[in-house]
Amino acid sequence: QIVETSLTAEGRLDADAIEEGLLRAR
């Protein structure tokens, strides 16, 4: 299953968004 998160407004990796996505997955 895909859990989609977003890059930052500057197009960079967003570790907080990735963690939130992992929490949703769990």
PDB file of all heavy atoms in Angstrom:
ATOM      1  N   GLN A   1       0.831  -1.199   0.000  1.00  0.00           N
ATOM      2  CA  GLN A   1       0.000   0.000   0.000  1.00  0.00           C
ATOM      3  C   GLN A   1       0.871   1.257   0.000  1.00  0.00           C
ATOM      4  O   GLN A   1       1.810   1.366   0.789  1.00  0.00           O
ATOM      5  CB  GLN A   1      -0.912   0.014   1.233  1.00  0.00           C
ATOM      6  CG  GLN A   1      -1.763  -1.234   1.389  1.00  0.00           C
ATOM      7  CD  GLN A   1      -2.690  -1.456   0.207  1.00  0.00           C
ATOM      8  OE1 GLN A   1      -3.334  -0.518  -0.251  1.00  0.00           O
ATOM      9  NE2 GLN A   1      -2.755  -2.689  -0.269  1.00  0.00           N
ATOM     10  N   ILE A   2       0.554   2.197  -0.863  1.00  0.00           N
ATOM     11  CA  ILE A   2       1.254   3.481  -0.895  1.00  0.00           C
ATOM     12  C   ILE A   2       0.729   4.399   0.204  1.00  0.00           C
ATOM     13  O   ILE A   2      -0.474   4.557   0.378  1.00  0.00           O
ATOM     14  CB  ILE A   2       1.062   4.169  -2.257  1.00  0.00           C
ATOM     15  CG1 ILE A   2       1.870   3.462  -3.343  1.00  0.00           C
ATOM     16  CG2 ILE A   2       1.434   5.652  -2.175  1.00  0.00           C
ATOM     17  CD1 ILE A   2       3.344   3.765  -3.325  1.00  0.00           C
ATOM     18  N   VAL A   3       1.641   4.996   0.958  1.00  0.00           N
ATOM     19  CA  VAL A   3       1.328   6.087   1.871  1.00  0.00           C
ATOM     20  C   VAL A   3       2.085   7.300   1.353  1.00  0.00           C
ATOM     21  O   VAL A   3       3.318   7.327   1.351  1.00  0.00           O
ATOM     22  CB  VAL A   3       1.729   5.770   3.319  1.00  0.00           C
ATOM     23  CG1 VAL A   3       1.532   7.005   4.203  1.00  0.00           C
ATOM     24  CG2 VAL A   3       0.919   4.603   3.850  1.00  0.00           C
ATOM     25  N   GLU A   4       1.333   8.290   0.898  1.00  0.00           N
ATOM     26  CA  GLU A   4       1.939   9.433   0.235  1.00  0.00           C
ATOM     27  C   GLU A   4       2.236  10.538   1.236  1.00  0.00           C
ATOM     28  O   GLU A   4       1.380  10.927   2.030  1.00  0.00           O
ATOM     29  CB  GLU A   4       0.983   9.943  -0.846  1.00  0.00           C
ATOM     30  CG  GLU A   4       1.655  10.548  -2.032  1.00  0.00           C
ATOM     31  CD  GLU A   4       0.677  10.848  -3.170  1.00  0.00           C
ATOM     32  OE1 GLU A   4      -0.492  10.415  -3.102  1.00  0.00           O
ATOM     33  OE2 GLU A   4       1.096  11.535  -4.118  1.00  0.00           O
ATOM     34  N   THR A   5       3.471  11.036   1.227  1.00  0.00           N
ATOM     35  CA  THR A   5       3.829  12.239   1.970  1.00  0.00           C
ATOM     36  C   THR A   5       4.380  13.244   0.966  1.00  0.00           C
ATOM     37  O   THR A   5       4.582  12.924  -0.209  1.00  0.00           O
ATOM     38  CB  THR A   5       4.885  11.951   3.053  1.00  0.00           C
ATOM     39  OG1 THR A   5       6.110  11.566   2.419  1.00  0.00           O
ATOM     40  CG2 THR A   5       4.426  10.829   3.972  1.00  0.00           C
ATOM     41  N   SER A   6       4.622  14.464   1.407  1.00  0.00           N
ATOM     42  CA  SER A   6       5.055  15.516   0.493  1.00  0.00           C
ATOM     43  C   SER A   6       6.456  15.990   0.824  1.00  0.00           C
ATOM     44  O   SER A   6       6.906  15.940   1.979  1.00  0.00           O
ATOM     45  CB  SER A   6       4.100  16.716   0.562  1.00  0.00           C
ATOM     46  OG  SER A   6       2.808  16.343   0.143  1.00  0.00           O
ATOM     47  N   LEU A   7       7.147  16.477  -0.197  1.00  0.00           N
ATOM     48  CA  LEU A   7       8.377  17.217   0.009  1.00  0.00           C
ATOM     49  C   LEU A   7       8.043  18.563   0.649  1.00  0.00           C
ATOM     50  O   LEU A   7       6.881  18.979   0.695  1.00  0.00           O
ATOM     51  CB  LEU A   7       9.080  17.445  -1.330  1.00  0.00           C
ATOM     52  CG  LEU A   7       9.461  16.197  -2.132  1.00  0.00           C
ATOM     53  CD1 LEU A   7       9.966  16.590  -3.512  1.00  0.00           C
ATOM     54  CD2 LEU A   7      10.505  15.371  -1.398  1.00  0.00           C
ATOM     55  N   THR A   8       9.054  19.260   1.135  1.00  0.00           N
ATOM     56  CA  THR A   8       8.822  20.599   1.678  1.00  0.00           C
ATOM     57  C   THR A   8       8.501  21.568   0.541  1.00  0.00           C
ATOM     58  O   THR A   8       8.630  21.238  -0.644  1.00  0.00           O
ATOM     59  CB  THR A   8      10.065  21.116   2.416  1.00  0.00           C
ATOM     60  OG1 THR A   8      11.111  21.345   1.464  1.00  0.00           O
ATOM     61  CG2 THR A   8      10.529  20.124   3.472  1.00  0.00           C
ATOM     62  N   ALA A   9       8.142  22.789   0.896  1.00  0.00           N
ATOM     63  CA  ALA A   9       7.851  23.807  -0.110  1.00  0.00           C
ATOM     64  C   ALA A   9       9.068  24.104  -0.966  1.00  0.00           C
ATOM     65  O   ALA A   9       8.946  24.560  -2.106  1.00  0.00           O
ATOM     66  CB  ALA A   9       7.367  25.087   0.576  1.00  0.00           C
ATOM     67  N   GLU A  10      10.258  23.827  -0.436  1.00  0.00           N
ATOM     68  CA  GLU A  10      11.491  24.031  -1.189  1.00  0.00           C
ATOM     69  C   GLU A  10      11.911  22.783  -1.957  1.00  0.00           C
ATOM     70  O   GLU A  10      12.997  22.742  -2.546  1.00  0.00           O
ATOM     71  CB  GLU A  10      12.631  24.449  -0.241  1.00  0.00           C
ATOM     72  CG  GLU A  10      12.447  25.808   0.412  1.00  0.00           C
ATOM     73  CD  GLU A  10      11.384  25.777   1.503  1.00  0.00           C
ATOM     74  OE1 GLU A  10      11.266  24.733   2.207  1.00  0.00           O
ATOM     75  OE2 GLU A  10      10.658  26.788   1.645  1.00  0.00           O
ATOM     76  N   GLY A  11      11.064  21.754  -1.929  1.00  0.00           N
ATOM     77  CA  GLY A  11      11.369  20.537  -2.664  1.00  0.00           C
ATOM     78  C   GLY A  11      12.361  19.624  -1.967  1.00  0.00           C
ATOM     79  O   GLY A  11      12.985  18.775  -2.613  1.00  0.00           O
ATOM     80  N   ARG A  12      12.502  19.740  -0.661  1.00  0.00           N
ATOM     81  CA  ARG A  12      13.459  18.931   0.094  1.00  0.00           C
ATOM     82  C   ARG A  12      12.729  17.809   0.840  1.00  0.00           C
ATOM     83  O   ARG A  12      11.509  17.844   1.028  1.00  0.00           O
ATOM     84  CB  ARG A  12      14.208  19.785   1.120  1.00  0.00           C
ATOM     85  CG  ARG A  12      14.791  21.084   0.637  1.00  0.00           C
ATOM     86  CD  ARG A  12      15.853  20.952  -0.418  1.00  0.00           C
ATOM     87  NE  ARG A  12      16.891  19.979  -0.104  1.00  0.00           N
ATOM     88  CZ  ARG A  12      17.998  19.816  -0.851  1.00  0.00           C
ATOM     89  NH1 ARG A  12      18.187  20.561  -1.930  1.00  0.00           N
ATOM     90  NH2 ARG A  12      18.899  18.911  -0.523  1.00  0.00           N
ATOM     91  N   LEU A  13      13.500  16.812   1.289  1.00  0.00           N
ATOM     92  CA  LEU A  13      12.933  15.761   2.124  1.00  0.00           C
ATOM     93  C   LEU A  13      12.426  16.353   3.438  1.00  0.00           C
ATOM     94  O   LEU A  13      13.065  17.238   4.020  1.00  0.00           O
ATOM     95  CB  LEU A  13      13.986  14.699   2.443  1.00  0.00           C
ATOM     96  CG  LEU A  13      14.382  13.743   1.333  1.00  0.00           C
ATOM     97  CD1 LEU A  13      15.465  12.779   1.835  1.00  0.00           C
ATOM     98  CD2 LEU A  13      13.185  12.954   0.821  1.00  0.00           C
ATOM     99  N   ASP A  14      11.301  15.837   3.899  1.00  0.00           N
ATOM    100  CA  ASP A  14      10.688  16.305   5.141  1.00  0.00           C
ATOM    101  C   ASP A  14      10.599  15.117   6.091  1.00  0.00           C
ATOM    102  O   ASP A  14       9.684  14.296   5.988  1.00  0.00           O
ATOM    103  CB  ASP A  14       9.299  16.880   4.845  1.00  0.00           C
ATOM    104  CG  ASP A  14       8.658  17.531   6.056  1.00  0.00           C
ATOM    105  OD1 ASP A  14       9.031  17.181   7.189  1.00  0.00           O
ATOM    106  OD2 ASP A  14       7.767  18.380   5.867  1.00  0.00           O
ATOM    107  N   ALA A  15      11.561  15.011   7.000  1.00  0.00           N
ATOM    108  CA  ALA A  15      11.608  13.860   7.912  1.00  0.00           C
ATOM    109  C   ALA A  15      10.370  13.801   8.799  1.00  0.00           C
ATOM    110  O   ALA A  15       9.876  12.699   9.108  1.00  0.00           O
ATOM    111  CB  ALA A  15      12.872  13.920   8.765  1.00  0.00           C
ATOM    112  N   ASP A  16       9.862  14.944   9.210  1.00  0.00           N
ATOM    113  CA  ASP A  16       8.667  14.948  10.064  1.00  0.00           C
ATOM    114  C   ASP A  16       7.469  14.392   9.300  1.00  0.00           C
ATOM    115  O   ASP A  16       6.673  13.612   9.848  1.00  0.00           O
ATOM    116  CB  ASP A  16       8.355  16.363  10.542  1.00  0.00           C
ATOM    117  CG  ASP A  16       9.381  16.883  11.537  1.00  0.00           C
ATOM    118  OD1 ASP A  16      10.059  16.054  12.168  1.00  0.00           O
ATOM    119  OD2 ASP A  16       9.501  18.118  11.671  1.00  0.00           O
ATOM    120  N   ALA A  17       7.317  14.776   8.028  1.00  0.00           N
ATOM    121  CA  ALA A  17       6.210  14.255   7.227  1.00  0.00           C
ATOM    122  C   ALA A  17       6.366  12.754   7.013  1.00  0.00           C
ATOM    123  O   ALA A  17       5.371  12.009   7.027  1.00  0.00           O
ATOM    124  CB  ALA A  17       6.153  14.982   5.882  1.00  0.00           C
ATOM    125  N   ILE A  18       7.593  12.292   6.819  1.00  0.00           N
ATOM    126  CA  ILE A  18       7.826  10.854   6.639  1.00  0.00           C
ATOM    127  C   ILE A  18       7.472  10.108   7.917  1.00  0.00           C
ATOM    128  O   ILE A  18       6.845   9.039   7.871  1.00  0.00           O
ATOM    129  CB  ILE A  18       9.286  10.612   6.221  1.00  0.00           C
ATOM    130  CG1 ILE A  18       9.513  11.131   4.791  1.00  0.00           C
ATOM    131  CG2 ILE A  18       9.639   9.131   6.314  1.00  0.00           C
ATOM    132  CD1 ILE A  18      10.959  11.143   4.358  1.00  0.00           C
ATOM    133  N   GLU A  19       7.841  10.667   9.056  1.00  0.00           N
ATOM    134  CA  GLU A  19       7.494  10.004  10.316  1.00  0.00           C
ATOM    135  C   GLU A  19       5.972   9.958  10.497  1.00  0.00           C
ATOM    136  O   GLU A  19       5.423   8.933  10.935  1.00  0.00           O
ATOM    137  CB  GLU A  19       8.143  10.710  11.499  1.00  0.00           C
ATOM    138  CG  GLU A  19       7.878  10.008  12.818  1.00  0.00           C
ATOM    139  CD  GLU A  19       8.915  10.282  13.875  1.00  0.00           C
ATOM    140  OE1 GLU A  19       9.471  11.400  13.898  1.00  0.00           O
ATOM    141  OE2 GLU A  19       9.166   9.385  14.708  1.00  0.00           O
ATOM    142  N   GLU A  20       5.298  11.053  10.161  1.00  0.00           N
ATOM    143  CA  GLU A  20       3.835  11.061  10.260  1.00  0.00           C
ATOM    144  C   GLU A  20       3.244   9.994   9.340  1.00  0.00           C
ATOM    145  O   GLU A  20       2.280   9.308   9.706  1.00  0.00           O
ATOM    146  CB  GLU A  20       3.314  12.447   9.890  1.00  0.00           C
ATOM    147  CG  GLU A  20       1.847  12.682  10.202  1.00  0.00           C
ATOM    148  CD  GLU A  20       0.926  12.219   9.069  1.00  0.00           C
ATOM    149  OE1 GLU A  20       1.379  12.215   7.901  1.00  0.00           O
ATOM    150  OE2 GLU A  20      -0.237  11.861   9.357  1.00  0.00           O
ATOM    151  N   GLY A  21       3.816   9.828   8.149  1.00  0.00           N
ATOM    152  CA  GLY A  21       3.354   8.784   7.243  1.00  0.00           C
ATOM    153  C   GLY A  21       3.568   7.398   7.813  1.00  0.00           C
ATOM    154  O   GLY A  21       2.710   6.510   7.667  1.00  0.00           O
ATOM    155  N   LEU A  22       4.697   7.185   8.476  1.00  0.00           N
ATOM    156  CA  LEU A  22       4.956   5.883   9.103  1.00  0.00           C
ATOM    157  C   LEU A  22       3.988   5.633  10.257  1.00  0.00           C
ATOM    158  O   LEU A  22       3.531   4.492  10.463  1.00  0.00           O
ATOM    159  CB  LEU A  22       6.395   5.821   9.597  1.00  0.00           C
ATOM    160  CG  LEU A  22       7.459   5.700   8.499  1.00  0.00           C
ATOM    161  CD1 LEU A  22       8.852   5.877   9.078  1.00  0.00           C
ATOM    162  CD2 LEU A  22       7.344   4.344   7.790  1.00  0.00           C
ATOM    163  N   LEU A  23       3.667   6.663  11.011  1.00  0.00           N
ATOM    164  CA  LEU A  23       2.695   6.508  12.089  1.00  0.00           C
ATOM    165  C   LEU A  23       1.321   6.142  11.530  1.00  0.00           C
ATOM    166  O   LEU A  23       0.604   5.291  12.102  1.00  0.00           O
ATOM    167  CB  LEU A  23       2.614   7.798  12.911  1.00  0.00           C
ATOM    168  CG  LEU A  23       3.845   8.107  13.785  1.00  0.00           C
ATOM    169  CD1 LEU A  23       3.763   9.523  14.341  1.00  0.00           C
ATOM    170  CD2 LEU A  23       3.947   7.082  14.917  1.00  0.00           C
ATOM    171  N   ARG A  24       0.943   6.767  10.411  1.00  0.00           N
ATOM    172  CA  ARG A  24      -0.328   6.405   9.767  1.00  0.00           C
ATOM    173  C   ARG A  24      -0.296   4.959   9.298  1.00  0.00           C
ATOM    174  O   ARG A  24      -1.298   4.231   9.409  1.00  0.00           O
ATOM    175  CB  ARG A  24      -0.598   7.336   8.587  1.00  0.00           C
ATOM    176  CG  ARG A  24      -1.161   8.692   8.963  1.00  0.00           C
ATOM    177  CD  ARG A  24      -1.648   9.435   7.729  1.00  0.00           C
ATOM    178  NE  ARG A  24      -0.556  10.030   6.981  1.00  0.00           N
ATOM    179  CZ  ARG A  24      -0.422   9.971   5.675  1.00  0.00           C
ATOM    180  NH1 ARG A  24      -1.299   9.299   4.937  1.00  0.00           N
ATOM    181  NH2 ARG A  24       0.596  10.554   5.071  1.00  0.00           N
ATOM    182  N   ALA A  25       0.844   4.557   8.765  1.00  0.00           N
ATOM    183  CA  ALA A  25       0.966   3.172   8.299  1.00  0.00           C
ATOM    184  C   ALA A  25       0.818   2.188   9.457  1.00  0.00           C
ATOM    185  O   ALA A  25       0.116   1.173   9.339  1.00  0.00           O
ATOM    186  CB  ALA A  25       2.320   2.997   7.610  1.00  0.00           C
ATOM    187  N   ARG A  26       1.464   2.498  10.564  1.00  0.00           N
ATOM    188  CA  ARG A  26       1.354   1.629  11.746  1.00  0.00           C
ATOM    189  C   ARG A  26      -0.099   1.569  12.244  1.00  0.00           C
ATOM    190  O   ARG A  26      -0.609   0.501  12.587  1.00  0.00           O
ATOM    191  CB  ARG A  26       2.260   2.160  12.853  1.00  0.00           C
ATOM    192  CG  ARG A  26       3.743   1.959  12.614  1.00  0.00           C
ATOM    193  CD  ARG A  26       4.125   0.511  12.717  1.00  0.00           C
ATOM    194  NE  ARG A  26       5.569   0.326  12.818  1.00  0.00           N
ATOM    195  CZ  ARG A  26       6.152  -0.845  12.733  1.00  0.00           C
ATOM    196  NH1 ARG A  26       5.420  -1.928  12.535  1.00  0.00           N
ATOM    197  NH2 ARG A  26       7.454  -0.951  12.819  1.00  0.00           N
TER     198      ARG A  26
END
